């Protein structure tokens, strides 16, 4: 995986739409980001040429797969996802917080933990035994992190 991941060719140009009748699976994102199967890349590019949604669970699994199969640094993966989510046809999970998630992940925080925090918006506090999470989330976390003693 390269630092500048060419996620798509010029296929996806329509404006974002509130009509998101399609949701993507992990394997579509992996093909677009890893660029490792030419036969499936074209089909994946075509899939994102119309409005589609990426769920939080698919995004967490995508990062897990890419960390497992590539030597890409978190900053490179975050950059590739940022480029992917800049496509007008792609709706990320937690659009109001995806930049925060990608910024903190690029800085070294655990991606799944960040997604847990983003999914907890609306709650006052996220409870955990993980002391590191509170530090990694920082002051701008979408929910206050409280570490329980144990």
C-alpha atoms as a PDB file:
ATOM      1  CA  UNK A   1       0.000   0.000   0.000  1.00  0.00           C
ATOM      2  CA  UNK A   2       1.437   3.350  -0.925  1.00  0.00           C
ATOM      3  CA  UNK A   3       1.209   6.586   1.017  1.00  0.00           C
ATOM      4  CA  UNK A   4      -0.831   8.124  -1.770  1.00  0.00           C
ATOM      5  CA  UNK A   5      -3.457   5.532  -2.364  1.00  0.00           C
ATOM      6  CA  UNK A   6      -5.243   6.007  -5.665  1.00  0.00           C
ATOM      7  CA  UNK A   7      -8.583   4.839  -4.348  1.00  0.00           C
ATOM      8  CA  UNK A   8     -10.503   5.389  -7.546  1.00  0.00           C
ATOM      9  CA  UNK A   9     -10.201   6.506 -11.066  1.00  0.00           C
ATOM     10  CA  UNK A  10     -12.595   9.223 -12.213  1.00  0.00           C
ATOM     11  CA  UNK A  11     -15.675   7.021 -11.768  1.00  0.00           C
ATOM     12  CA  UNK A  12     -17.328   8.658  -8.758  1.00  0.00           C
ATOM     13  CA  UNK A  13     -18.533  12.188  -9.343  1.00  0.00           C
ATOM     14  CA  UNK A  14     -22.208  12.536  -8.341  1.00  0.00           C
ATOM     15  CA  UNK A  15     -23.078  14.719  -5.343  1.00  0.00           C
ATOM     16  CA  UNK A  16     -23.765  13.131  -1.954  1.00  0.00           C
ATOM     17  CA  UNK A  17     -27.312  11.992  -1.673  1.00  0.00           C
ATOM     18  CA  UNK A  18     -29.655  11.443   1.226  1.00  0.00           C
ATOM     19  CA  UNK A  19     -30.847   8.378  -0.712  1.00  0.00           C
ATOM     20  CA  UNK A  20     -28.351   5.792   0.472  1.00  0.00           C
ATOM     21  CA  UNK A  21     -29.912   2.521  -0.559  1.00  0.00           C
ATOM     22  CA  UNK A  22     -26.578   0.671  -0.726  1.00  0.00           C
ATOM     23  CA  UNK A  23     -24.082  -0.188   1.973  1.00  0.00           C
ATOM     24  CA  UNK A  24     -20.576  -1.524   1.332  1.00  0.00           C
ATOM     25  CA  UNK A  25     -18.944  -4.658   2.731  1.00  0.00           C
ATOM     26  CA  UNK A  26     -15.397  -4.754   4.072  1.00  0.00           C
ATOM     27  CA  UNK A  27     -14.070  -6.588   1.009  1.00  0.00           C
ATOM     28  CA  UNK A  28     -15.089  -3.668  -1.256  1.00  0.00           C
ATOM     29  CA  UNK A  29     -13.103  -1.185   0.848  1.00  0.00           C
ATOM     30  CA  UNK A  30     -10.134  -3.523   1.107  1.00  0.00           C
ATOM     31  CA  UNK A  31     -10.004  -3.930  -2.684  1.00  0.00           C
ATOM     32  CA  UNK A  32     -10.151  -0.137  -3.174  1.00  0.00           C
ATOM     33  CA  UNK A  33      -7.526   0.645  -0.560  1.00  0.00           C
ATOM     34  CA  UNK A  34      -5.115  -2.286  -0.954  1.00  0.00           C
ATOM     35  CA  UNK A  35      -5.419  -2.344  -4.767  1.00  0.00           C
ATOM     36  CA  UNK A  36      -4.494  -6.035  -4.647  1.00  0.00           C
ATOM     37  CA  UNK A  37      -6.938  -7.680  -7.054  1.00  0.00           C
ATOM     38  CA  UNK A  38      -7.228  -5.996 -10.462  1.00  0.00           C
ATOM     39  CA  UNK A  39     -10.341  -7.963 -11.384  1.00  0.00           C
ATOM     40  CA  UNK A  40     -12.190  -6.843  -8.280  1.00  0.00           C
ATOM     41  CA  UNK A  41     -10.894  -3.266  -8.247  1.00  0.00           C
ATOM     42  CA  UNK A  42     -12.951  -2.314 -11.309  1.00  0.00           C
ATOM     43  CA  UNK A  43     -16.108  -3.797  -9.783  1.00  0.00           C
ATOM     44  CA  UNK A  44     -15.409  -2.058  -6.464  1.00  0.00           C
ATOM     45  CA  UNK A  45     -14.882   1.266  -8.259  1.00  0.00           C
ATOM     46  CA  UNK A  46     -18.176   0.808 -10.069  1.00  0.00           C
ATOM     47  CA  UNK A  47     -19.880   0.026  -6.754  1.00  0.00           C
ATOM     48  CA  UNK A  48     -18.879   3.391  -5.287  1.00  0.00           C
ATOM     49  CA  UNK A  49     -19.857   5.356  -8.375  1.00  0.00           C
ATOM     50  CA  UNK A  50     -23.358   5.695  -6.896  1.00  0.00           C
ATOM     51  CA  UNK A  51     -24.249   6.837  -3.363  1.00  0.00           C
ATOM     52  CA  UNK A  52     -23.323   4.299  -0.693  1.00  0.00           C
ATOM     53  CA  UNK A  53     -22.858   4.005   3.033  1.00  0.00           C
ATOM     54  CA  UNK A  54     -19.947   2.614   5.030  1.00  0.00           C
ATOM     55  CA  UNK A  55     -21.019   1.334   8.445  1.00  0.00           C
ATOM     56  CA  UNK A  56     -18.910   1.599  11.584  1.00  0.00           C
ATOM     57  CA  UNK A  57     -18.477  -2.170  11.836  1.00  0.00           C
ATOM     58  CA  UNK A  58     -17.280  -2.412   8.240  1.00  0.00           C
ATOM     59  CA  UNK A  59     -14.802   0.402   8.826  1.00  0.00           C
ATOM     60  CA  UNK A  60     -13.396  -1.232  11.974  1.00  0.00           C
ATOM     61  CA  UNK A  61     -13.016  -4.552  10.152  1.00  0.00           C
ATOM     62  CA  UNK A  62     -11.395  -2.803   7.172  1.00  0.00           C
ATOM     63  CA  UNK A  63      -8.698  -1.294   9.385  1.00  0.00           C
ATOM     64  CA  UNK A  64      -8.149  -4.651  11.090  1.00  0.00           C
ATOM     65  CA  UNK A  65      -7.739  -6.393   7.705  1.00  0.00           C
ATOM     66  CA  UNK A  66      -5.454  -3.700   6.263  1.00  0.00           C
ATOM     67  CA  UNK A  67      -3.261  -3.674   9.377  1.00  0.00           C
ATOM     68  CA  UNK A  68      -3.039  -7.474   9.065  1.00  0.00           C
ATOM     69  CA  UNK A  69      -2.126  -7.658   5.369  1.00  0.00           C
ATOM     70  CA  UNK A  70      -0.086  -4.503   4.809  1.00  0.00           C
ATOM     71  CA  UNK A  71       2.852  -2.809   6.454  1.00  0.00           C
ATOM     72  CA  UNK A  72       1.101   0.560   6.119  1.00  0.00           C
ATOM     73  CA  UNK A  73       1.453   2.988   8.992  1.00  0.00           C
ATOM     74  CA  UNK A  74      -1.708   4.287  10.673  1.00  0.00           C
ATOM     75  CA  UNK A  75      -1.081   7.701   9.125  1.00  0.00           C
ATOM     76  CA  UNK A  76      -1.052   6.154   5.649  1.00  0.00           C
ATOM     77  CA  UNK A  77      -4.253   4.200   6.313  1.00  0.00           C
ATOM     78  CA  UNK A  78      -5.924   7.294   7.752  1.00  0.00           C
ATOM     79  CA  UNK A  79      -4.868   9.273   4.673  1.00  0.00           C
ATOM     80  CA  UNK A  80      -6.262   6.627   2.332  1.00  0.00           C
ATOM     81  CA  UNK A  81      -9.564   6.593   4.230  1.00  0.00           C
ATOM     82  CA  UNK A  82      -9.704  10.395   4.210  1.00  0.00           C
ATOM     83  CA  UNK A  83      -9.290  10.308   0.432  1.00  0.00           C
ATOM     84  CA  UNK A  84     -11.958   7.613   0.141  1.00  0.00           C
ATOM     85  CA  UNK A  85     -14.407   9.566   2.298  1.00  0.00           C
ATOM     86  CA  UNK A  86     -13.822  12.682   0.207  1.00  0.00           C
ATOM     87  CA  UNK A  87     -15.677  10.967  -2.636  1.00  0.00           C
ATOM     88  CA  UNK A  88     -19.037  12.636  -3.140  1.00  0.00           C
ATOM     89  CA  UNK A  89     -20.777   9.260  -3.328  1.00  0.00           C
ATOM     90  CA  UNK A  90     -19.484   7.832  -0.049  1.00  0.00           C
ATOM     91  CA  UNK A  91     -21.142   8.469   3.314  1.00  0.00           C
ATOM     92  CA  UNK A  92     -18.869   7.595   6.268  1.00  0.00           C
ATOM     93  CA  UNK A  93     -20.105   6.447   9.642  1.00  0.00           C
ATOM     94  CA  UNK A  94     -20.325   9.357  12.090  1.00  0.00           C
ATOM     95  CA  UNK A  95     -19.601  11.996   9.417  1.00  0.00           C
ATOM     96  CA  UNK A  96     -19.350  14.727  12.046  1.00  0.00           C
ATOM     97  CA  UNK A  97     -16.583  12.825  13.858  1.00  0.00           C
ATOM     98  CA  UNK A  98     -14.747  10.854  11.178  1.00  0.00           C
ATOM     99  CA  UNK A  99     -11.984  13.472  10.906  1.00  0.00           C
ATOM    100  CA  UNK A 100     -11.420  13.289  14.676  1.00  0.00           C
ATOM    101  CA  UNK A 101     -11.241   9.471  14.478  1.00  0.00           C
ATOM    102  CA  UNK A 102      -8.764   9.549  11.578  1.00  0.00           C
ATOM    103  CA  UNK A 103      -6.618  12.268  13.196  1.00  0.00           C
ATOM    104  CA  UNK A 104      -6.327  10.395  16.500  1.00  0.00           C
ATOM    105  CA  UNK A 105      -5.712   7.063  14.715  1.00  0.00           C
ATOM    106  CA  UNK A 106      -2.934   8.632  12.633  1.00  0.00           C
ATOM    107  CA  UNK A 107      -1.425   9.878  15.908  1.00  0.00           C
ATOM    108  CA  UNK A 108      -1.303   6.316  17.275  1.00  0.00           C
ATOM    109  CA  UNK A 109      -4.611   5.653  19.040  1.00  0.00           C
ATOM    110  CA  UNK A 110      -6.427   2.334  18.630  1.00  0.00           C
ATOM    111  CA  UNK A 111      -8.904   2.608  15.766  1.00  0.00           C
ATOM    112  CA  UNK A 112     -11.609   0.402  17.294  1.00  0.00           C
ATOM    113  CA  UNK A 113     -11.486   2.359  20.561  1.00  0.00           C
ATOM    114  CA  UNK A 114     -11.916   5.613  18.657  1.00  0.00           C
ATOM    115  CA  UNK A 115     -14.912   4.212  16.824  1.00  0.00           C
ATOM    116  CA  UNK A 116     -16.411   3.154  20.174  1.00  0.00           C
ATOM    117  CA  UNK A 117     -16.132   6.764  21.319  1.00  0.00           C
ATOM    118  CA  UNK A 118     -17.617   8.131  18.098  1.00  0.00           C
ATOM    119  CA  UNK A 119     -20.522   5.693  18.418  1.00  0.00           C
ATOM    120  CA  UNK A 120     -21.100   6.887  21.989  1.00  0.00           C
ATOM    121  CA  UNK A 121     -21.964  10.430  20.988  1.00  0.00           C
ATOM    122  CA  UNK A 122     -24.972  11.519  22.972  1.00  0.00           C
ATOM    123  CA  UNK A 123     -23.714   9.807  26.114  1.00  0.00           C
ATOM    124  CA  UNK A 124     -22.074  11.939  28.771  1.00  0.00           C
ATOM    125  CA  UNK A 125     -19.350   9.450  29.664  1.00  0.00           C
ATOM    126  CA  UNK A 126     -17.601   6.431  28.154  1.00  0.00           C
ATOM    127  CA  UNK A 127     -16.512   4.054  30.923  1.00  0.00           C
ATOM    128  CA  UNK A 128     -13.390   1.935  30.542  1.00  0.00           C
ATOM    129  CA  UNK A 129     -10.580   0.241  32.447  1.00  0.00           C
ATOM    130  CA  UNK A 130      -8.189   1.303  29.643  1.00  0.00           C
ATOM    131  CA  UNK A 131      -6.092   4.166  31.038  1.00  0.00           C
ATOM    132  CA  UNK A 132      -4.335   4.645  27.721  1.00  0.00           C
ATOM    133  CA  UNK A 133      -7.628   5.328  25.933  1.00  0.00           C
ATOM    134  CA  UNK A 134      -8.298   8.462  27.956  1.00  0.00           C
ATOM    135  CA  UNK A 135      -4.882   9.879  27.011  1.00  0.00           C
ATOM    136  CA  UNK A 136      -5.195   8.867  23.363  1.00  0.00           C
ATOM    137  CA  UNK A 137      -8.708  10.283  23.011  1.00  0.00           C
ATOM    138  CA  UNK A 138      -7.544  13.719  24.113  1.00  0.00           C
ATOM    139  CA  UNK A 139      -9.631  16.684  25.186  1.00  0.00           C
ATOM    140  CA  UNK A 140     -11.589  16.862  21.936  1.00  0.00           C
ATOM    141  CA  UNK A 141     -13.161  13.404  22.296  1.00  0.00           C
ATOM    142  CA  UNK A 142     -16.838  13.283  21.341  1.00  0.00           C
ATOM    143  CA  UNK A 143     -17.623  11.904  24.804  1.00  0.00           C
ATOM    144  CA  UNK A 144     -15.761  12.227  28.111  1.00  0.00           C
ATOM    145  CA  UNK A 145     -13.685   9.123  28.895  1.00  0.00           C
ATOM    146  CA  UNK A 146     -13.747   7.941  32.499  1.00  0.00           C
ATOM    147  CA  UNK A 147     -11.264   5.322  33.618  1.00  0.00           C
ATOM    148  CA  UNK A 148     -12.509   3.020  36.360  1.00  0.00           C
ATOM    149  CA  UNK A 149     -10.066   1.915  39.019  1.00  0.00           C
ATOM    150  CA  UNK A 150      -9.259  -1.764  39.292  1.00  0.00           C
END
